[in-house]
């Protein structure tokens, strides 16, 4: 009996060492972050009056993306939930930490219903950019682009996800962007910089959609997304989402 007890103790010790080794190996797998951004026009505000009190009505089904999406890794053995994104049009979500390496993850909505698949790049922080598919007309099957998310201070990133070519003029420098094309340039934190954006006219000129001053601090970065205006009462063909954020070291 004493020998049996010693053998059991040795087996337990070996098992514990193997589990510790597996845990150490898992910790060595490089990690990176993923964020999510949905862009587009919000549906019109709706309300109704009941007993003399005004109540806000929820948006029509399919007019906005799900308010919460769970990021899931699935294989033959298990389904692993990696965390949840809070989704709001025009706002970047908080970051989730995942391991590096190529692979396909799922975004799932309420009740675990699959909503979209995410093809992860091999390495580096990245952002899942979503917008409404004009051919579908609602958010049931969104369009998606995976973009790098370096969050470099002193830079401004432009990305065109509309169906049309657009032209940018930044501090006198002109740049054309085809659909799904992007551009990154430096933007110091000293003085505001003039910025114009519009469609490329038949004569090659700029049909201006926006004319503003870009401004940010030295420790900030700016992201500008150009998408198709998809609102019910859109007066212009383009929707421009401009986001400025502080870069943490």
C-alpha atoms as a PDB file:
ATOM      1  CA  UNK A   1       0.000   0.000   0.000  1.00  0.00           C
ATOM      2  CA  UNK A   2       2.863   2.325   0.825  1.00  0.00           C
ATOM      3  CA  UNK A   3       4.450   1.690  -2.579  1.00  0.00           C
ATOM      4  CA  UNK A   4       1.090   2.336  -4.291  1.00  0.00           C
ATOM      5  CA  UNK A   5       0.772   5.642  -2.432  1.00  0.00           C
ATOM      6  CA  UNK A   6       4.249   6.698  -3.539  1.00  0.00           C
ATOM      7  CA  UNK A   7       3.434   5.852  -7.171  1.00  0.00           C
ATOM      8  CA  UNK A   8       0.207   7.880  -7.038  1.00  0.00           C
ATOM      9  CA  UNK A   9       2.060  10.850  -5.563  1.00  0.00           C
ATOM     10  CA  UNK A  10       4.668  10.673  -8.341  1.00  0.00           C
ATOM     11  CA  UNK A  11       1.956  10.516 -11.008  1.00  0.00           C
ATOM     12  CA  UNK A  12       0.202  13.544  -9.517  1.00  0.00           C
ATOM     13  CA  UNK A  13       3.484  15.488  -9.444  1.00  0.00           C
ATOM     14  CA  UNK A  14       4.263  14.638 -13.069  1.00  0.00           C
ATOM     15  CA  UNK A  15       0.745  15.671 -14.137  1.00  0.00           C
ATOM     16  CA  UNK A  16       1.062  18.982 -12.308  1.00  0.00           C
ATOM     17  CA  UNK A  17       4.422  19.643 -13.981  1.00  0.00           C
ATOM     18  CA  UNK A  18       2.932  18.904 -17.414  1.00  0.00           C
ATOM     19  CA  UNK A  19       0.005  21.285 -16.758  1.00  0.00           C
ATOM     20  CA  UNK A  20       2.426  23.980 -15.628  1.00  0.00           C
ATOM     21  CA  UNK A  21       4.499  23.468 -18.787  1.00  0.00           C
ATOM     22  CA  UNK A  22       1.373  23.701 -20.966  1.00  0.00           C
ATOM     23  CA  UNK A  23       0.372  26.916 -19.187  1.00  0.00           C
ATOM     24  CA  UNK A  24       3.843  28.384 -19.671  1.00  0.00           C
ATOM     25  CA  UNK A  25       3.744  27.507 -23.380  1.00  0.00           C
ATOM     26  CA  UNK A  26       0.325  29.199 -23.714  1.00  0.00           C
ATOM     27  CA  UNK A  27       1.677  32.314 -22.043  1.00  0.00           C
ATOM     28  CA  UNK A  28       4.539  32.422 -24.572  1.00  0.00           C
ATOM     29  CA  UNK A  29       2.116  32.732 -27.511  1.00  0.00           C
ATOM     30  CA  UNK A  30       2.311  36.394 -28.627  1.00  0.00           C
ATOM     31  CA  UNK A  31      -0.837  38.422 -28.036  1.00  0.00           C
ATOM     32  CA  UNK A  32      -2.339  41.323 -29.968  1.00  0.00           C
ATOM     33  CA  UNK A  33      -5.465  43.428 -29.726  1.00  0.00           C
ATOM     34  CA  UNK A  34      -8.543  43.648 -31.930  1.00  0.00           C
ATOM     35  CA  UNK A  35     -11.085  46.471 -31.980  1.00  0.00           C
ATOM     36  CA  UNK A  36     -14.304  46.984 -33.915  1.00  0.00           C
ATOM     37  CA  UNK A  37     -15.812  49.984 -35.682  1.00  0.00           C
ATOM     38  CA  UNK A  38     -19.175  50.114 -37.466  1.00  0.00           C
ATOM     39  CA  UNK A  39     -19.811  53.153 -39.692  1.00  0.00           C
ATOM     40  CA  UNK A  40     -22.928  54.488 -41.362  1.00  0.00           C
ATOM     41  CA  UNK A  41     -25.934  56.709 -40.816  1.00  0.00           C
ATOM     42  CA  UNK A  42     -28.065  56.217 -37.743  1.00  0.00           C
ATOM     43  CA  UNK A  43     -31.824  55.740 -38.288  1.00  0.00           C
ATOM     44  CA  UNK A  44     -34.110  58.704 -37.593  1.00  0.00           C
ATOM     45  CA  UNK A  45     -35.071  59.285 -33.990  1.00  0.00           C
ATOM     46  CA  UNK A  46     -38.553  57.922 -33.258  1.00  0.00           C
ATOM     47  CA  UNK A  47     -40.879  58.436 -30.335  1.00  0.00           C
ATOM     48  CA  UNK A  48     -44.467  57.946 -29.296  1.00  0.00           C
ATOM     49  CA  UNK A  49     -46.695  59.540 -26.701  1.00  0.00           C
ATOM     50  CA  UNK A  50     -48.407  57.327 -24.132  1.00  0.00           C
ATOM     51  CA  UNK A  51     -50.538  58.856 -21.377  1.00  0.00           C
ATOM     52  CA  UNK A  52     -49.051  62.243 -22.113  1.00  0.00           C
ATOM     53  CA  UNK A  53     -45.444  61.016 -21.793  1.00  0.00           C
ATOM     54  CA  UNK A  54     -42.997  60.788 -24.708  1.00  0.00           C
ATOM     55  CA  UNK A  55     -41.131  57.484 -25.077  1.00  0.00           C
ATOM     56  CA  UNK A  56     -38.237  56.788 -27.406  1.00  0.00           C
ATOM     57  CA  UNK A  57     -38.869  53.887 -29.770  1.00  0.00           C
ATOM     58  CA  UNK A  58     -36.196  51.325 -30.596  1.00  0.00           C
ATOM     59  CA  UNK A  59     -34.672  51.546 -34.082  1.00  0.00           C
ATOM     60  CA  UNK A  60     -36.324  49.446 -36.801  1.00  0.00           C
ATOM     61  CA  UNK A  61     -34.915  45.904 -37.136  1.00  0.00           C
ATOM     62  CA  UNK A  62     -31.778  45.817 -39.283  1.00  0.00           C
ATOM     63  CA  UNK A  63     -31.285  49.599 -39.243  1.00  0.00           C
ATOM     64  CA  UNK A  64     -28.329  49.357 -36.828  1.00  0.00           C
ATOM     65  CA  UNK A  65     -25.791  46.617 -36.075  1.00  0.00           C
ATOM     66  CA  UNK A  66     -26.255  44.430 -32.981  1.00  0.00           C
ATOM     67  CA  UNK A  67     -25.489  46.373 -29.818  1.00  0.00           C
ATOM     68  CA  UNK A  68     -23.261  43.594 -28.516  1.00  0.00           C
ATOM     69  CA  UNK A  69     -21.191  41.089 -30.448  1.00  0.00           C
ATOM     70  CA  UNK A  70     -19.279  38.180 -28.946  1.00  0.00           C
ATOM     71  CA  UNK A  71     -15.985  37.172 -30.535  1.00  0.00           C
ATOM     72  CA  UNK A  72     -15.721  33.386 -30.716  1.00  0.00           C
ATOM     73  CA  UNK A  73     -13.056  30.873 -31.696  1.00  0.00           C
ATOM     74  CA  UNK A  74     -14.536  27.541 -32.715  1.00  0.00           C
ATOM     75  CA  UNK A  75     -12.862  24.238 -33.527  1.00  0.00           C
ATOM     76  CA  UNK A  76     -13.916  20.596 -33.572  1.00  0.00           C
ATOM     77  CA  UNK A  77     -13.457  20.239 -29.813  1.00  0.00           C
ATOM     78  CA  UNK A  78     -14.853  23.410 -28.285  1.00  0.00           C
ATOM     79  CA  UNK A  79     -16.258  26.904 -28.671  1.00  0.00           C
ATOM     80  CA  UNK A  80     -14.168  29.533 -26.900  1.00  0.00           C
ATOM     81  CA  UNK A  81     -15.601  32.983 -26.182  1.00  0.00           C
ATOM     82  CA  UNK A  82     -12.841  35.595 -26.395  1.00  0.00           C
ATOM     83  CA  UNK A  83     -14.895  38.543 -25.151  1.00  0.00           C
ATOM     84  CA  UNK A  84     -17.638  40.916 -26.244  1.00  0.00           C
ATOM     85  CA  UNK A  85     -17.694  44.192 -28.172  1.00  0.00           C
ATOM     86  CA  UNK A  86     -20.143  46.968 -27.350  1.00  0.00           C
ATOM     87  CA  UNK A  87     -21.176  48.289 -30.760  1.00  0.00           C
ATOM     88  CA  UNK A  88     -22.298  51.819 -31.541  1.00  0.00           C
ATOM     89  CA  UNK A  89     -22.247  53.458 -34.949  1.00  0.00           C
ATOM     90  CA  UNK A  90     -19.274  55.773 -35.379  1.00  0.00           C
ATOM     91  CA  UNK A  91     -17.492  54.745 -32.177  1.00  0.00           C
ATOM     92  CA  UNK A  92     -14.478  52.480 -31.813  1.00  0.00           C
ATOM     93  CA  UNK A  93     -15.075  49.619 -29.404  1.00  0.00           C
ATOM     94  CA  UNK A  94     -12.846  48.626 -26.543  1.00  0.00           C
ATOM     95  CA  UNK A  95     -10.013  46.235 -27.378  1.00  0.00           C
ATOM     96  CA  UNK A  96     -10.000  42.470 -26.895  1.00  0.00           C
ATOM     97  CA  UNK A  97      -6.756  40.550 -26.537  1.00  0.00           C
ATOM     98  CA  UNK A  98      -6.284  37.487 -28.717  1.00  0.00           C
ATOM     99  CA  UNK A  99      -3.316  35.342 -29.687  1.00  0.00           C
ATOM    100  CA  UNK A 100      -1.414  35.938 -32.902  1.00  0.00           C
ATOM    101  CA  UNK A 101      -1.712  33.685 -35.931  1.00  0.00           C
ATOM    102  CA  UNK A 102      -4.001  33.398 -38.927  1.00  0.00           C
ATOM    103  CA  UNK A 103      -7.427  31.896 -38.442  1.00  0.00           C
ATOM    104  CA  UNK A 104     -11.132  32.582 -38.668  1.00  0.00           C
ATOM    105  CA  UNK A 105     -13.130  33.905 -35.735  1.00  0.00           C
ATOM    106  CA  UNK A 106     -16.870  34.479 -35.505  1.00  0.00           C
ATOM    107  CA  UNK A 107     -18.864  37.474 -34.404  1.00  0.00           C
ATOM    108  CA  UNK A 108     -22.068  36.289 -32.757  1.00  0.00           C
ATOM    109  CA  UNK A 109     -25.106  38.308 -31.815  1.00  0.00           C
ATOM    110  CA  UNK A 110     -27.856  37.768 -29.286  1.00  0.00           C
ATOM    111  CA  UNK A 111     -28.423  34.130 -28.412  1.00  0.00           C
ATOM    112  CA  UNK A 112     -25.120  33.095 -29.958  1.00  0.00           C
ATOM    113  CA  UNK A 113     -26.417  33.507 -33.514  1.00  0.00           C
ATOM    114  CA  UNK A 114     -23.486  33.758 -36.012  1.00  0.00           C
ATOM    115  CA  UNK A 115     -23.411  37.208 -37.609  1.00  0.00           C
ATOM    116  CA  UNK A 116     -20.080  37.582 -39.424  1.00  0.00           C
ATOM    117  CA  UNK A 117     -16.721  35.827 -39.831  1.00  0.00           C
ATOM    118  CA  UNK A 118     -13.395  37.541 -39.163  1.00  0.00           C
ATOM    119  CA  UNK A 119     -10.277  36.395 -41.031  1.00  0.00           C
ATOM    120  CA  UNK A 120      -7.413  37.305 -38.720  1.00  0.00           C
ATOM    121  CA  UNK A 121      -4.086  38.508 -40.128  1.00  0.00           C
ATOM    122  CA  UNK A 122      -0.991  36.619 -39.055  1.00  0.00           C
ATOM    123  CA  UNK A 123       0.250  39.224 -36.577  1.00  0.00           C
ATOM    124  CA  UNK A 124      -0.204  42.748 -35.277  1.00  0.00           C
ATOM    125  CA  UNK A 125      -3.071  44.713 -33.767  1.00  0.00           C
ATOM    126  CA  UNK A 126      -6.018  45.079 -36.125  1.00  0.00           C
ATOM    127  CA  UNK A 127      -9.475  46.598 -36.438  1.00  0.00           C
ATOM    128  CA  UNK A 128     -12.651  45.037 -37.826  1.00  0.00           C
ATOM    129  CA  UNK A 129     -14.318  47.735 -39.912  1.00  0.00           C
ATOM    130  CA  UNK A 130     -17.995  47.138 -40.723  1.00  0.00           C
ATOM    131  CA  UNK A 131     -20.540  48.942 -42.856  1.00  0.00           C
ATOM    132  CA  UNK A 132     -23.944  48.241 -44.348  1.00  0.00           C
ATOM    133  CA  UNK A 133     -24.002  46.385 -47.662  1.00  0.00           C
ATOM    134  CA  UNK A 134     -25.904  48.594 -50.157  1.00  0.00           C
ATOM    135  CA  UNK A 135     -27.060  45.468 -52.014  1.00  0.00           C
ATOM    136  CA  UNK A 136     -28.682  44.100 -48.845  1.00  0.00           C
ATOM    137  CA  UNK A 137     -30.004  47.375 -47.457  1.00  0.00           C
ATOM    138  CA  UNK A 138     -29.738  46.483 -43.775  1.00  0.00           C
ATOM    139  CA  UNK A 139     -27.218  45.200 -41.216  1.00  0.00           C
ATOM    140  CA  UNK A 140     -28.093  41.501 -41.497  1.00  0.00           C
ATOM    141  CA  UNK A 141     -25.063  40.787 -43.722  1.00  0.00           C
ATOM    142  CA  UNK A 142     -22.501  43.574 -43.296  1.00  0.00           C
ATOM    143  CA  UNK A 143     -19.513  44.377 -45.464  1.00  0.00           C
ATOM    144  CA  UNK A 144     -16.183  44.065 -43.700  1.00  0.00           C
ATOM    145  CA  UNK A 145     -12.552  45.086 -44.021  1.00  0.00           C
ATOM    146  CA  UNK A 146      -9.704  44.087 -41.714  1.00  0.00           C
ATOM    147  CA  UNK A 147      -7.234  46.948 -41.268  1.00  0.00           C
ATOM    148  CA  UNK A 148      -4.053  47.386 -39.275  1.00  0.00           C
ATOM    149  CA  UNK A 149      -4.517  49.266 -36.019  1.00  0.00           C
ATOM    150  CA  UNK A 150      -1.057  50.633 -35.113  1.00  0.00           C
ATOM    151  CA  UNK A 151      -2.372  53.682 -33.206  1.00  0.00           C
ATOM    152  CA  UNK A 152       0.669  55.808 -34.011  1.00  0.00           C
ATOM    153  CA  UNK A 153       0.700  59.275 -32.471  1.00  0.00           C
ATOM    154  CA  UNK A 154       1.047  62.170 -34.890  1.00  0.00           C
ATOM    155  CA  UNK A 155      -0.613  60.399 -37.819  1.00  0.00           C
ATOM    156  CA  UNK A 156      -3.922  60.565 -39.649  1.00  0.00           C
ATOM    157  CA  UNK A 157      -5.317  57.551 -41.510  1.00  0.00           C
ATOM    158  CA  UNK A 158      -7.831  57.762 -44.342  1.00  0.00           C
ATOM    159  CA  UNK A 159      -9.812  54.794 -45.629  1.00  0.00           C
ATOM    160  CA  UNK A 160     -12.378  54.807 -48.407  1.00  0.00           C
ATOM    161  CA  UNK A 161     -15.004  52.052 -48.126  1.00  0.00           C
ATOM    162  CA  UNK A 162     -17.534  53.786 -50.381  1.00  0.00           C
ATOM    163  CA  UNK A 163     -18.331  52.535 -53.877  1.00  0.00           C
ATOM    164  CA  UNK A 164     -16.779  55.593 -55.510  1.00  0.00           C
ATOM    165  CA  UNK A 165     -13.324  57.060 -55.922  1.00  0.00           C
ATOM    166  CA  UNK A 166     -12.725  60.072 -53.701  1.00  0.00           C
ATOM    167  CA  UNK A 167     -10.098  62.788 -53.586  1.00  0.00           C
ATOM    168  CA  UNK A 168      -8.420  64.265 -50.514  1.00  0.00           C
ATOM    169  CA  UNK A 169      -6.583  67.534 -50.197  1.00  0.00           C
ATOM    170  CA  UNK A 170      -4.533  67.701 -46.986  1.00  0.00           C
ATOM    171  CA  UNK A 171      -2.536  70.880 -46.428  1.00  0.00           C
ATOM    172  CA  UNK A 172      -2.381  71.422 -50.183  1.00  0.00           C
ATOM    173  CA  UNK A 173      -1.401  67.816 -50.982  1.00  0.00           C
ATOM    174  CA  UNK A 174      -3.891  65.955 -53.147  1.00  0.00           C
ATOM    175  CA  UNK A 175      -4.459  62.210 -53.027  1.00  0.00           C
ATOM    176  CA  UNK A 176      -7.025  60.010 -54.796  1.00  0.00           C
ATOM    177  CA  UNK A 177      -8.427  56.925 -53.055  1.00  0.00           C
ATOM    178  CA  UNK A 178     -10.151  54.117 -54.902  1.00  0.00           C
ATOM    179  CA  UNK A 179     -12.771  51.993 -53.097  1.00  0.00           C
ATOM    180  CA  UNK A 180     -11.196  50.044 -50.203  1.00  0.00           C
ATOM    181  CA  UNK A 181      -7.967  52.007 -50.536  1.00  0.00           C
ATOM    182  CA  UNK A 182      -6.303  53.802 -47.625  1.00  0.00           C
ATOM    183  CA  UNK A 183      -3.598  56.349 -46.948  1.00  0.00           C
ATOM    184  CA  UNK A 184      -1.585  57.306 -43.864  1.00  0.00           C
ATOM    185  CA  UNK A 185       0.192  60.623 -43.453  1.00  0.00           C
ATOM    186  CA  UNK A 186       1.800  62.569 -40.639  1.00  0.00           C
ATOM    187  CA  UNK A 187      -0.134  65.292 -38.875  1.00  0.00           C
ATOM    188  CA  UNK A 188       1.798  67.289 -36.338  1.00  0.00           C
ATOM    189  CA  UNK A 189       0.300  68.677 -33.176  1.00  0.00           C
ATOM    190  CA  UNK A 190       1.206  72.296 -33.790  1.00  0.00           C
ATOM    191  CA  UNK A 191      -1.260  74.124 -36.048  1.00  0.00           C
ATOM    192  CA  UNK A 192      -4.550  73.018 -37.655  1.00  0.00           C
ATOM    193  CA  UNK A 193      -4.193  71.651 -41.191  1.00  0.00           C
ATOM    194  CA  UNK A 194      -6.708  72.330 -43.964  1.00  0.00           C
ATOM    195  CA  UNK A 195      -8.568  69.270 -45.225  1.00  0.00           C
ATOM    196  CA  UNK A 196     -10.971  68.861 -48.119  1.00  0.00           C
ATOM    197  CA  UNK A 197     -12.664  65.694 -49.312  1.00  0.00           C
ATOM    198  CA  UNK A 198     -14.989  64.988 -52.176  1.00  0.00           C
ATOM    199  CA  UNK A 199     -15.850  62.933 -55.227  1.00  0.00           C
ATOM    200  CA  UNK A 200     -13.719  63.071 -58.343  1.00  0.00           C
ATOM    201  CA  UNK A 201     -15.671  64.978 -60.991  1.00  0.00           C
ATOM    202  CA  UNK A 202     -15.880  64.130 -64.691  1.00  0.00           C
ATOM    203  CA  UNK A 203     -13.284  66.818 -65.389  1.00  0.00           C
ATOM    204  CA  UNK A 204     -10.954  65.443 -62.715  1.00  0.00           C
ATOM    205  CA  UNK A 205     -11.842  68.226 -60.323  1.00  0.00           C
ATOM    206  CA  UNK A 206     -12.999  67.911 -56.734  1.00  0.00           C
ATOM    207  CA  UNK A 207     -16.729  67.897 -56.011  1.00  0.00           C
ATOM    208  CA  UNK A 208     -16.334  68.958 -52.413  1.00  0.00           C
ATOM    209  CA  UNK A 209     -18.199  67.099 -49.675  1.00  0.00           C
ATOM    210  CA  UNK A 210     -16.272  68.290 -46.636  1.00  0.00           C
ATOM    211  CA  UNK A 211     -13.964  71.170 -45.869  1.00  0.00           C
ATOM    212  CA  UNK A 212     -12.611  71.362 -42.318  1.00  0.00           C
ATOM    213  CA  UNK A 213      -9.424  71.851 -40.353  1.00  0.00           C
ATOM    214  CA  UNK A 214      -7.713  68.735 -39.010  1.00  0.00           C
ATOM    215  CA  UNK A 215      -6.230  69.261 -35.589  1.00  0.00           C
ATOM    216  CA  UNK A 216      -4.779  66.940 -32.969  1.00  0.00           C
ATOM    217  CA  UNK A 217      -2.303  66.940 -30.102  1.00  0.00           C
ATOM    218  CA  UNK A 218       1.153  65.427 -30.443  1.00  0.00           C
ATOM    219  CA  UNK A 219       0.033  62.331 -28.514  1.00  0.00           C
ATOM    220  CA  UNK A 220      -3.096  61.728 -30.631  1.00  0.00           C
ATOM    221  CA  UNK A 221      -3.985  60.023 -33.905  1.00  0.00           C
ATOM    222  CA  UNK A 222      -6.937  60.581 -36.242  1.00  0.00           C
ATOM    223  CA  UNK A 223      -8.943  58.084 -38.288  1.00  0.00           C
ATOM    224  CA  UNK A 224     -11.134  59.237 -41.195  1.00  0.00           C
ATOM    225  CA  UNK A 225     -13.503  56.709 -42.798  1.00  0.00           C
ATOM    226  CA  UNK A 226     -15.350  57.554 -46.020  1.00  0.00           C
ATOM    227  CA  UNK A 227     -18.437  55.420 -46.655  1.00  0.00           C
ATOM    228  CA  UNK A 228     -21.633  55.638 -48.689  1.00  0.00           C
ATOM    229  CA  UNK A 229     -24.382  57.639 -47.041  1.00  0.00           C
ATOM    230  CA  UNK A 230     -26.994  55.013 -46.181  1.00  0.00           C
ATOM    231  CA  UNK A 231     -29.551  57.060 -44.279  1.00  0.00           C
ATOM    232  CA  UNK A 232     -33.180  57.400 -45.325  1.00  0.00           C
ATOM    233  CA  UNK A 233     -32.863  61.158 -45.763  1.00  0.00           C
ATOM    234  CA  UNK A 234     -29.229  61.444 -46.828  1.00  0.00           C
ATOM    235  CA  UNK A 235     -28.616  64.742 -48.622  1.00  0.00           C
ATOM    236  CA  UNK A 236     -25.100  63.877 -49.782  1.00  0.00           C
ATOM    237  CA  UNK A 237     -23.662  60.705 -51.315  1.00  0.00           C
ATOM    238  CA  UNK A 238     -20.896  60.239 -48.742  1.00  0.00           C
ATOM    239  CA  UNK A 239     -20.755  59.685 -45.006  1.00  0.00           C
ATOM    240  CA  UNK A 240     -17.523  60.841 -43.354  1.00  0.00           C
ATOM    241  CA  UNK A 241     -16.642  59.458 -39.925  1.00  0.00           C
ATOM    242  CA  UNK A 242     -13.805  61.324 -38.216  1.00  0.00           C
ATOM    243  CA  UNK A 243     -12.372  59.944 -34.965  1.00  0.00           C
ATOM    244  CA  UNK A 244      -9.563  61.349 -32.866  1.00  0.00           C
ATOM    245  CA  UNK A 245      -8.016  59.461 -29.963  1.00  0.00           C
ATOM    246  CA  UNK A 246      -5.131  59.694 -27.549  1.00  0.00           C
ATOM    247  CA  UNK A 247      -2.397  57.113 -28.064  1.00  0.00           C
ATOM    248  CA  UNK A 248      -1.275  55.431 -24.874  1.00  0.00           C
ATOM    249  CA  UNK A 249       2.329  54.321 -24.602  1.00  0.00           C
END
